[in-house]
C-alpha atoms as a PDB file:
ATOM      1  CA  MET A   1     178.407  -0.225  57.567  1.00  0.00           C
ATOM      2  CA  SER A   2     181.582   1.095  59.025  1.00  0.00           C
ATOM      3  CA  GLY A   3     180.673   4.744  58.499  1.00  0.00           C
ATOM      4  CA  ILE A   4     183.443   5.166  55.894  1.00  0.00           C
ATOM      5  CA  PRO A   5     182.248   5.508  52.242  1.00  0.00           C
ATOM      6  CA  SER A   6     182.570   2.187  50.362  1.00  0.00           C
ATOM      7  CA  ARG A   7     185.182   1.881  47.656  1.00  0.00           C
ATOM      8  CA  ALA A   8     184.454  -1.829  46.768  1.00  0.00           C
ATOM      9  CA  ARG A   9     183.476  -0.979  43.157  1.00  0.00           C
ATOM     10  CA  PHE A  10     187.045   0.013  42.331  1.00  0.00           C
ATOM     11  CA  ASP A  11     189.398  -2.710  41.237  1.00  0.00           C
ATOM     12  CA  THR A  12     192.395  -0.980  42.764  1.00  0.00           C
ATOM     13  CA  PRO A  13     193.544  -3.062  45.732  1.00  0.00           C
ATOM     14  CA  ARG A  14     193.575  -1.488  49.147  1.00  0.00           C
ATOM     15  CA  ARG A  15     196.924  -0.633  50.650  1.00  0.00           C
ATOM     16  CA  ARG A  16     197.627  -1.896  54.109  1.00  0.00           C
ATOM     17  CA  PRO A  17     198.040   0.900  56.640  1.00  0.00           C
ATOM     18  CA  SER A  18     201.495   1.628  57.869  1.00  0.00           C
ATOM     19  CA  LEU A  19     202.501   0.805  61.415  1.00  0.00           C
ATOM     20  CA  ARG A  20     202.414   4.509  62.336  1.00  0.00           C
ATOM     21  CA  THR A  21     198.859   4.859  60.993  1.00  0.00           C
ATOM     22  CA  ALA A  22     197.724   1.725  62.833  1.00  0.00           C
ATOM     23  CA  ALA A  23     199.082   3.055  66.099  1.00  0.00           C
ATOM     24  CA  ALA A  24     197.271   6.341  65.596  1.00  0.00           C
ATOM     25  CA  LEU A  25     193.988   4.540  64.905  1.00  0.00           C
ATOM     26  CA  ALA A  26     194.406   2.445  68.041  1.00  0.00           C
ATOM     27  CA  ALA A  27     194.985   5.532  70.162  1.00  0.00           C
ATOM     28  CA  THR A  28     191.892   7.172  68.694  1.00  0.00           C
ATOM     29  CA  ALA A  29     189.799   4.119  69.474  1.00  0.00           C
ATOM     30  CA  LEU A  30     190.937   4.163  73.090  1.00  0.00           C
ATOM     31  CA  ALA A  31     190.105   7.854  73.415  1.00  0.00           C
ATOM     32  CA  VAL A  32     186.629   7.333  71.967  1.00  0.00           C
ATOM     33  CA  THR A  33     186.051   4.416  74.315  1.00  0.00           C
ATOM     34  CA  GLY A  34     187.020   6.609  77.305  1.00  0.00           C
ATOM     35  CA  CYS A  35     184.631   9.388  76.259  1.00  0.00           C
ATOM     36  CA  GLY A  36     181.823   6.874  75.938  1.00  0.00           C
ATOM     37  CA  GLY A  37     181.731   6.381  79.695  1.00  0.00           C
ATOM     38  CA  SER A  38     183.013   2.800  79.792  1.00  0.00           C
ATOM     39  CA  ASP A  39     183.640   1.534  83.313  1.00  0.00           C
ATOM     40  CA  SER A  40     186.906   0.033  82.136  1.00  0.00           C
ATOM     41  CA  ALA A  41     188.371   3.354  81.010  1.00  0.00           C
ATOM     42  CA  PRO A  42     189.683   5.396  83.948  1.00  0.00           C
ATOM     43  CA  SER A  43     189.129   9.160  83.695  1.00  0.00           C
ATOM     44  CA  GLU A  44     192.223  11.334  83.712  1.00  0.00           C
ATOM     45  CA  LEU A  45     190.281  14.352  85.190  1.00  0.00           C
ATOM     46  CA  PRO A  46     188.885  14.336  88.736  1.00  0.00           C
ATOM     47  CA  PRO A  47     185.090  14.532  88.912  1.00  0.00           C
ATOM     48  CA  ALA A  48     183.584  18.003  89.402  1.00  0.00           C
ATOM     49  CA  PRO A  49     182.588  18.557  93.037  1.00  0.00           C
ATOM     50  CA  GLU A  50     178.906  18.628  93.890  1.00  0.00           C
ATOM     51  CA  PRO A  51     177.556  21.918  95.296  1.00  0.00           C
ATOM     52  CA  ASP A  52     176.936  20.411  98.722  1.00  0.00           C
ATOM     53  CA  ALA A  53     180.486  19.128  98.851  1.00  0.00           C
ATOM     54  CA  THR A  54     181.931  22.499  97.877  1.00  0.00           C
ATOM     55  CA  TYR A  55     179.820  24.644 100.202  1.00  0.00           C
ATOM     56  CA  GLY A  56     179.259  22.777 103.403  1.00  0.00           C
ATOM     57  CA  GLY A  57     176.783  24.613 105.567  1.00  0.00           C
ATOM     58  CA  VAL A  58     175.240  28.080 105.330  1.00  0.00           C
ATOM     59  CA  LEU A  59     177.594  31.014 104.891  1.00  0.00           C
ATOM     60  CA  GLU A  60     176.864  34.111 106.916  1.00  0.00           C
ATOM     61  CA  ALA A  61     176.206  37.220 104.867  1.00  0.00           C
ATOM     62  CA  ALA A  62     179.187  39.540 104.954  1.00  0.00           C
ATOM     63  CA  GLU A  63     178.493  43.106 106.002  1.00  0.00           C
ATOM     64  CA  ALA A  64     178.858  45.447 103.046  1.00  0.00           C
ATOM     65  CA  PRO A  65     181.841  47.759 103.430  1.00  0.00           C
ATOM     66  CA  ALA A  66     181.388  51.514 103.441  1.00  0.00           C
ATOM     67  CA  PRO A  67     181.781  53.086  99.996  1.00  0.00           C
ATOM     68  CA  GLN A  68     185.043  54.770  99.149  1.00  0.00           C
ATOM     69  CA  GLY A  69     185.389  58.042 100.991  1.00  0.00           C
ATOM     70  CA  PHE A  70     183.289  56.964 103.988  1.00  0.00           C
ATOM     71  CA  THR A  71     183.739  55.108 107.272  1.00  0.00           C
ATOM     72  CA  THR A  72     180.951  53.111 108.903  1.00  0.00           C
ATOM     73  CA  LEU A  73     180.109  54.193 112.448  1.00  0.00           C
ATOM     74  CA  ASP A  74     177.894  52.537 115.048  1.00  0.00           C
ATOM     75  CA  ILE A  75     175.887  53.987 117.896  1.00  0.00           C
ATOM     76  CA  GLU A  76     173.711  51.588 119.900  1.00  0.00           C
ATOM     77  CA  GLY A  77     173.289  49.385 116.835  1.00  0.00           C
ATOM     78  CA  VAL A  78     172.492  52.229 114.443  1.00  0.00           C
ATOM     79  CA  LYS A  79     175.000  52.072 111.602  1.00  0.00           C
ATOM     80  CA  ILE A  80     175.729  55.069 109.406  1.00  0.00           C
ATOM     81  CA  ASN A  81     178.519  56.202 107.095  1.00  0.00           C
ATOM     82  CA  ALA A  82     180.631  59.201 108.027  1.00  0.00           C
ATOM     83  CA  PRO A  83     182.581  61.162 105.405  1.00  0.00           C
ATOM     84  CA  GLN A  84     186.295  60.608 105.723  1.00  0.00           C
ATOM     85  CA  GLY A  85     188.067  63.689 107.019  1.00  0.00           C
ATOM     86  CA  TRP A  86     185.167  64.642 109.276  1.00  0.00           C
ATOM     87  CA  GLU A  87     185.668  64.610 113.038  1.00  0.00           C
ATOM     88  CA  VAL A  88     183.403  62.387 115.148  1.00  0.00           C
ATOM     89  CA  ASP A  89     182.206  63.175 118.657  1.00  0.00           C
ATOM     90  CA  ARG A  90     180.298  60.791 120.891  1.00  0.00           C
ATOM     91  CA  GLY A  91     178.100  61.730 123.806  1.00  0.00           C
ATOM     92  CA  GLU A  92     175.276  60.205 125.818  1.00  0.00           C
ATOM     93  CA  GLY A  93     172.859  58.899 123.205  1.00  0.00           C
ATOM     94  CA  MET A  94     174.357  61.039 120.436  1.00  0.00           C
ATOM     95  CA  LEU A  95     176.931  60.818 117.681  1.00  0.00           C
ATOM     96  CA  CYS A  96     178.093  63.971 115.904  1.00  0.00           C
ATOM     97  CA  MET A  97     180.025  64.302 112.624  1.00  0.00           C
ATOM     98  CA  ARG A  98     181.787  67.643 112.183  1.00  0.00           C
ATOM     99  CA  PRO A  99     183.037  68.901 108.824  1.00  0.00           C
ATOM    100  CA  PRO A 100     186.693  69.915 108.501  1.00  0.00           C
ATOM    101  CA  GLY A 101     187.454  73.135 110.353  1.00  0.00           C
ATOM    102  CA  GLN A 102     184.326  72.987 112.518  1.00  0.00           C
ATOM    103  CA  GLU A 103     185.351  72.736 116.159  1.00  0.00           C
ATOM    104  CA  THR A 104     181.930  72.213 117.745  1.00  0.00           C
ATOM    105  CA  CYS A 105     178.869  70.136 116.962  1.00  0.00           C
ATOM    106  CA  GLY A 106     176.926  72.991 115.446  1.00  0.00           C
ATOM    107  CA  TYR A 107     177.066  74.697 112.077  1.00  0.00           C
ATOM    108  CA  GLY A 108     177.483  72.162 109.257  1.00  0.00           C
ATOM    109  CA  ALA A 109     177.434  69.148 111.583  1.00  0.00           C
ATOM    110  CA  ILE A 110     175.315  65.992 111.390  1.00  0.00           C
ATOM    111  CA  GLU A 111     173.841  64.464 114.525  1.00  0.00           C
ATOM    112  CA  VAL A 112     172.589  60.879 114.921  1.00  0.00           C
ATOM    113  CA  ARG A 113     170.345  60.212 117.915  1.00  0.00           C
ATOM    114  CA  PRO A 114     168.849  56.809 118.825  1.00  0.00           C
ATOM    115  CA  LYS A 115     165.805  56.986 121.118  1.00  0.00           C
ATOM    116  CA  ALA A 116     165.697  60.665 120.260  1.00  0.00           C
ATOM    117  CA  ALA A 117     162.250  61.612 121.526  1.00  0.00           C
ATOM    118  CA  GLN A 118     162.411  59.194 124.450  1.00  0.00           C
ATOM    119  CA  ARG A 119     165.548  60.911 125.737  1.00  0.00           C
ATOM    120  CA  HIS A 120     164.385  64.458 125.043  1.00  0.00           C
ATOM    121  CA  PRO A 121     162.646  66.184 127.973  1.00  0.00           C
ATOM    122  CA  GLU A 122     160.002  67.575 125.616  1.00  0.00           C
ATOM    123  CA  ASN A 123     159.693  64.417 123.529  1.00  0.00           C
ATOM    124  CA  TRP A 124     160.958  66.298 120.463  1.00  0.00           C
ATOM    125  CA  PRO A 125     160.523  65.759 117.529  1.00  0.00           C
ATOM    126  CA  LYS A 126     157.815  63.131 117.964  1.00  0.00           C
ATOM    127  CA  LYS A 127     155.424  65.101 120.184  1.00  0.00           C
ATOM    128  CA  ASP A 128     152.535  66.539 118.172  1.00  0.00           C
ATOM    129  CA  SER A 129     154.424  65.514 115.007  1.00  0.00           C
ATOM    130  CA  ALA A 130     156.698  68.532 115.327  1.00  0.00           C
ATOM    131  CA  PHE A 131     158.712  67.237 112.377  1.00  0.00           C
ATOM    132  CA  HIS A 132     155.785  68.290 110.150  1.00  0.00           C
ATOM    133  CA  LYS A 133     155.340  71.812 111.496  1.00  0.00           C
ATOM    134  CA  ASP A 134     156.803  75.125 110.408  1.00  0.00           C
ATOM    135  CA  ASP A 135     158.437  75.702 113.785  1.00  0.00           C
ATOM    136  CA  GLY A 136     159.352  72.059 114.364  1.00  0.00           C
ATOM    137  CA  TRP A 137     162.999  72.405 113.340  1.00  0.00           C
ATOM    138  CA  ALA A 138     164.047  72.562 117.020  1.00  0.00           C
ATOM    139  CA  ALA A 139     162.543  72.000 120.445  1.00  0.00           C
ATOM    140  CA  ASP A 140     163.257  75.691 121.114  1.00  0.00           C
ATOM    141  CA  PRO A 141     163.099  77.368 117.698  1.00  0.00           C
ATOM    142  CA  THR A 142     164.062  80.852 118.876  1.00  0.00           C
ATOM    143  CA  ALA A 143     167.790  81.299 118.124  1.00  0.00           C
ATOM    144  CA  CYS A 144     169.403  82.020 114.771  1.00  0.00           C
ATOM    145  CA  ARG A 145     171.867  79.404 113.489  1.00  0.00           C
ATOM    146  CA  SER A 146     173.348  81.192 110.492  1.00  0.00           C
ATOM    147  CA  LEU A 147     177.094  81.017 109.948  1.00  0.00           C
ATOM    148  CA  ASN A 148     177.532  84.485 111.450  1.00  0.00           C
ATOM    149  CA  THR A 149     175.311  83.964 114.491  1.00  0.00           C
ATOM    150  CA  ALA A 150     175.382  80.243 115.309  1.00  0.00           C
ATOM    151  CA  GLU A 151     178.159  80.464 117.881  1.00  0.00           C
ATOM    152  CA  ALA A 152     176.735  83.432 119.765  1.00  0.00           C
ATOM    153  CA  GLY A 153     173.108  82.356 119.525  1.00  0.00           C
ATOM    154  CA  ASN A 154     171.907  85.821 120.449  1.00  0.00           C
ATOM    155  CA  VAL A 155     169.832  86.675 117.366  1.00  0.00           C
ATOM    156  CA  GLY A 156     166.171  85.791 117.237  1.00  0.00           C
ATOM    157  CA  ILE A 157     164.004  84.246 114.534  1.00  0.00           C
ATOM    158  CA  LYS A 158     161.734  86.177 112.192  1.00  0.00           C
ATOM    159  CA  GLU A 159     160.166  83.314 110.241  1.00  0.00           C
ATOM    160  CA  SER A 160     160.553  79.597 109.517  1.00  0.00           C
ATOM    161  CA  LYS A 161     158.911  77.531 106.803  1.00  0.00           C
ATOM    162  CA  LEU A 162     158.708  73.764 106.408  1.00  0.00           C
ATOM    163  CA  HIS A 163     159.487  72.334 102.967  1.00  0.00           C
ATOM    164  CA  LEU A 164     158.946  68.718 101.942  1.00  0.00           C
ATOM    165  CA  ILE A 165     160.958  67.358  99.033  1.00  0.00           C
ATOM    166  CA  GLY A 166     158.940  65.014  96.833  1.00  0.00           C
ATOM    167  CA  ASP A 167     156.769  62.807  99.015  1.00  0.00           C
ATOM    168  CA  GLY A 168     158.659  63.893 102.128  1.00  0.00           C
ATOM    169  CA  LEU A 169     160.248  60.471 102.624  1.00  0.00           C
ATOM    170  CA  THR A 170     163.759  59.040 102.347  1.00  0.00           C
ATOM    171  CA  THR A 171     164.620  55.354 101.906  1.00  0.00           C
ATOM    172  CA  HIS A 172     167.573  54.159 103.980  1.00  0.00           C
ATOM    173  CA  ALA A 173     170.069  51.327 103.552  1.00  0.00           C
ATOM    174  CA  ASP A 174     167.867  48.887 105.500  1.00  0.00           C
ATOM    175  CA  GLY A 175     164.812  49.613 103.335  1.00  0.00           C
ATOM    176  CA  LEU A 176     162.982  51.685 105.952  1.00  0.00           C
ATOM    177  CA  ARG A 177     161.639  55.096 105.005  1.00  0.00           C
ATOM    178  CA  SER A 178     161.893  58.117 107.237  1.00  0.00           C
ATOM    179  CA  HIS A 179     160.125  61.452 107.345  1.00  0.00           C
ATOM    180  CA  TYR A 180     162.410  63.919 105.575  1.00  0.00           C
ATOM    181  CA  SER A 181     161.791  67.541 106.566  1.00  0.00           C
ATOM    182  CA  THR A 182     163.686  70.678 105.625  1.00  0.00           C
ATOM    183  CA  TRP A 183     163.199  74.187 106.966  1.00  0.00           C
ATOM    184  CA  GLN A 184     164.195  77.567 105.583  1.00  0.00           C
ATOM    185  CA  VAL A 185     164.624  79.921 108.529  1.00  0.00           C
ATOM    186  CA  THR A 186     164.990  83.699 108.458  1.00  0.00           C
ATOM    187  CA  CYS A 187     166.611  85.462 111.389  1.00  0.00           C
ATOM    188  CA  GLU A 188     165.777  88.888 112.789  1.00  0.00           C
ATOM    189  CA  ASN A 189     168.924  90.293 111.168  1.00  0.00           C
ATOM    190  CA  ASP A 190     167.743  88.791 107.831  1.00  0.00           C
ATOM    191  CA  ASP A 191     170.374  86.067 107.871  1.00  0.00           C
ATOM    192  CA  THR A 192     168.992  82.742 106.673  1.00  0.00           C
ATOM    193  CA  PHE A 193     169.854  79.119 107.335  1.00  0.00           C
ATOM    194  CA  GLU A 194     168.513  75.646 106.566  1.00  0.00           C
ATOM    195  CA  VAL A 195     167.777  72.713 108.866  1.00  0.00           C
ATOM    196  CA  ARG A 196     167.280  69.104 107.702  1.00  0.00           C
ATOM    197  CA  LEU A 197     165.782  66.230 109.676  1.00  0.00           C
ATOM    198  CA  TRP A 198     165.300  62.547 108.915  1.00  0.00           C
ATOM    199  CA  PHE A 199     163.124  60.889 111.534  1.00  0.00           C
ATOM    200  CA  LEU A 200     161.913  57.304 112.066  1.00  0.00           C
ATOM    201  CA  PRO A 201     159.021  57.732 114.536  1.00  0.00           C
ATOM    202  CA  GLU A 202     158.558  54.039 115.295  1.00  0.00           C
ATOM    203  CA  SER A 203     162.257  53.334 115.785  1.00  0.00           C
ATOM    204  CA  ASP A 204     162.687  56.793 117.367  1.00  0.00           C
ATOM    205  CA  VAL A 205     165.937  57.523 115.537  1.00  0.00           C
ATOM    206  CA  LEU A 206     166.865  60.799 113.870  1.00  0.00           C
ATOM    207  CA  VAL A 207     169.581  62.184 111.627  1.00  0.00           C
ATOM    208  CA  TYR A 208     169.811  65.943 112.016  1.00  0.00           C
ATOM    209  CA  ALA A 209     171.663  68.627 110.078  1.00  0.00           C
ATOM    210  CA  TRP A 210     171.648  71.355 112.740  1.00  0.00           C
ATOM    211  CA  SER A 211     172.455  74.143 110.264  1.00  0.00           C
ATOM    212  CA  VAL A 212     173.331  73.172 106.704  1.00  0.00           C
ATOM    213  CA  ASP A 213     176.675  74.151 105.219  1.00  0.00           C
ATOM    214  CA  GLN A 214     175.811  74.434 101.531  1.00  0.00           C
ATOM    215  CA  ARG A 215     179.296  73.282 100.543  1.00  0.00           C
ATOM    216  CA  TYR A 216     178.157  69.800 101.567  1.00  0.00           C
ATOM    217  CA  ASP A 217     174.638  70.085 100.163  1.00  0.00           C
ATOM    218  CA  SER A 218     174.334  66.615  98.578  1.00  0.00           C
ATOM    219  CA  LEU A 219     176.533  64.932 101.190  1.00  0.00           C
ATOM    220  CA  TYR A 220     173.901  65.283 103.926  1.00  0.00           C
ATOM    221  CA  LEU A 221     171.420  63.135 102.019  1.00  0.00           C
ATOM    222  CA  THR A 222     174.106  60.557 101.152  1.00  0.00           C
ATOM    223  CA  VAL A 223     174.968  60.149 104.829  1.00  0.00           C
ATOM    224  CA  ALA A 224     171.317  59.924 105.890  1.00  0.00           C
ATOM    225  CA  GLU A 225     170.510  57.323 103.230  1.00  0.00           C
ATOM    226  CA  SER A 226     173.322  55.087 104.511  1.00  0.00           C
ATOM    227  CA  MET A 227     171.651  54.627 107.919  1.00  0.00           C
ATOM    228  CA  ASP A 228     170.762  51.063 108.933  1.00  0.00           C
ATOM    229  CA  VAL A 229     168.790  50.446 112.152  1.00  0.00           C
ATOM    230  CA  THR A 230     168.472  46.654 111.799  1.00  0.00           C
ATOM    231  CA  GLU A 231     170.758  45.814 114.722  1.00  0.00           C
ATOM    232  CA  TYR A 232     169.344  48.656 116.828  1.00  0.00           C
ATOM    233  CA  LYS A 233     165.798  47.321 116.388  1.00  0.00           C
ATOM    234  CA  ARG A 234     166.917  43.769 117.147  1.00  0.00           C
ATOM    235  CA  ARG A 235     168.480  44.862 120.438  1.00  0.00           C
ATOM    236  CA  ASN A 236     165.410  46.852 121.405  1.00  0.00           C
ATOM    237  CA  SER A 237     163.132  43.946 120.582  1.00  0.00           C
ATOM    238  CA  GLU A 238     165.200  41.586 122.731  1.00  0.00           C
ATOM    239  CA  GLN A 239     165.168  44.053 125.610  1.00  0.00           C
ATOM    240  CA  GLU A 240     161.405  44.466 125.405  1.00  0.00           C
ATOM    241  CA  GLN A 241     160.810  40.729 125.252  1.00  0.00           C
ATOM    242  CA  GLY A 242     163.135  40.184 128.195  1.00  0.00           C
ATOM    243  CA  GLY A 243     161.310  42.832 130.177  1.00  0.00           C
ATOM    244  CA  ARG A 244     157.983  41.108 129.571  1.00  0.00           C
ATOM    245  CA  GLY A 245     159.335  37.647 130.197  1.00  0.00           C
ATOM    246  CA  GLY A 246     159.181  36.755 126.511  1.00  0.00           C
ATOM    247  CA  GLY A 247     156.682  37.193 123.755  1.00  0.00           C
ATOM    248  CA  PRO A 248     156.970  39.451 120.738  1.00  0.00           C
ATOM    249  CA  GLY A 249     155.424  42.863 120.587  1.00  0.00           C
ATOM    250  CA  GLY A 250     156.074  46.506 121.272  1.00  0.00           C
ATOM    251  CA  ARG A 251     156.432  49.282 118.792  1.00  0.00           C
ATOM    252  CA  ASP A 252     160.081  48.735 117.949  1.00  0.00           C
ATOM    253  CA  GLY A 253     159.443  44.999 117.678  1.00  0.00           C
ATOM    254  CA  ARG A 254     157.307  45.598 114.608  1.00  0.00           C
ATOM    255  CA  ASP A 255     158.519  45.922 111.071  1.00  0.00           C
ATOM    256  CA  ASP A 256     158.747  49.618 110.236  1.00  0.00           C
ATOM    257  CA  ARG A 257     157.848  48.755 106.652  1.00  0.00           C
ATOM    258  CA  GLY A 258     154.475  47.317 107.570  1.00  0.00           C
ATOM    259  CA  GLY A 259     151.081  48.914 107.501  1.00  0.00           C
ATOM    260  CA  GLY A 260     149.651  51.406 110.007  1.00  0.00           C
ATOM    261  CA  GLY A 261     152.008  53.063 112.424  1.00  0.00           C
ATOM    262  CA  ASP A 262     155.121  52.479 110.383  1.00  0.00           C
ATOM    263  CA  ASP A 263     158.197  54.508 109.556  1.00  0.00           C
ATOM    264  CA  ARG A 264     157.036  55.203 106.027  1.00  0.00           C
ATOM    265  CA  GLY A 265     155.310  58.394 107.001  1.00  0.00           C
ATOM    266  CA  GLY A 266     151.615  57.645 106.592  1.00  0.00           C
ATOM    267  CA  GLY A 267     150.020  60.201 108.907  1.00  0.00           C
ATOM    268  CA  ASN A 268     150.438  60.601 112.647  1.00  0.00           C
ATOM    269  CA  ASP A 269     151.663  57.117 113.487  1.00  0.00           C
ATOM    270  CA  ASP A 270     152.234  57.628 117.181  1.00  0.00           C
END
């Protein structure tokens, strides 16, 4: 059957289609033939490109830009976001971000130090896990850092107390977790101040709020969380391998997310 309902039982004769109708039917037949995939019917649309033809080769992952209101900084391969409007100082093995109006790297500032303990004459804050002790907020925890006394540094300390927030760990942009320690310190004149430290013992990198300016309370954590030590660890690993004449190994050559002796904070890892 043709697919059109039969009308043979009616005596009325069929009318011949007009020329216009015949032309329309012919055009429809050609279109149907083309959609059926006939080799004789050329396609009017170019074929869709295959994935391999569209994307030839592997594309390198683009580095994520800093979020609005921040600028990405780099020190020895350690990447971290600095708040826009803050001044940045660079010294030997140290980067300092100063809040607006602060002329020195002190009150309110954030320090970033690669190879922190290695470069410190007293191996602070790694030695004896000072980052987990009540007086571990500084290598020499004897001078008050309150807003009124920070510049002079001539007021002593009455008491300091370590406080851990949650599990005492912070996850950074690269997935590593650091020890996160905060201290409430009381000076001899009863002034108080707060110190915050994020420390990766294996990578030996710290982020340090020398004396917290409470106006930027949440900003300190945001900056610390943005830290990425991937490139820093890669450079260190290459240097260690080159020094040994090849072959993987060494503390910074290991994944800080692994078991025992990692940067997640499971006990005294060094």
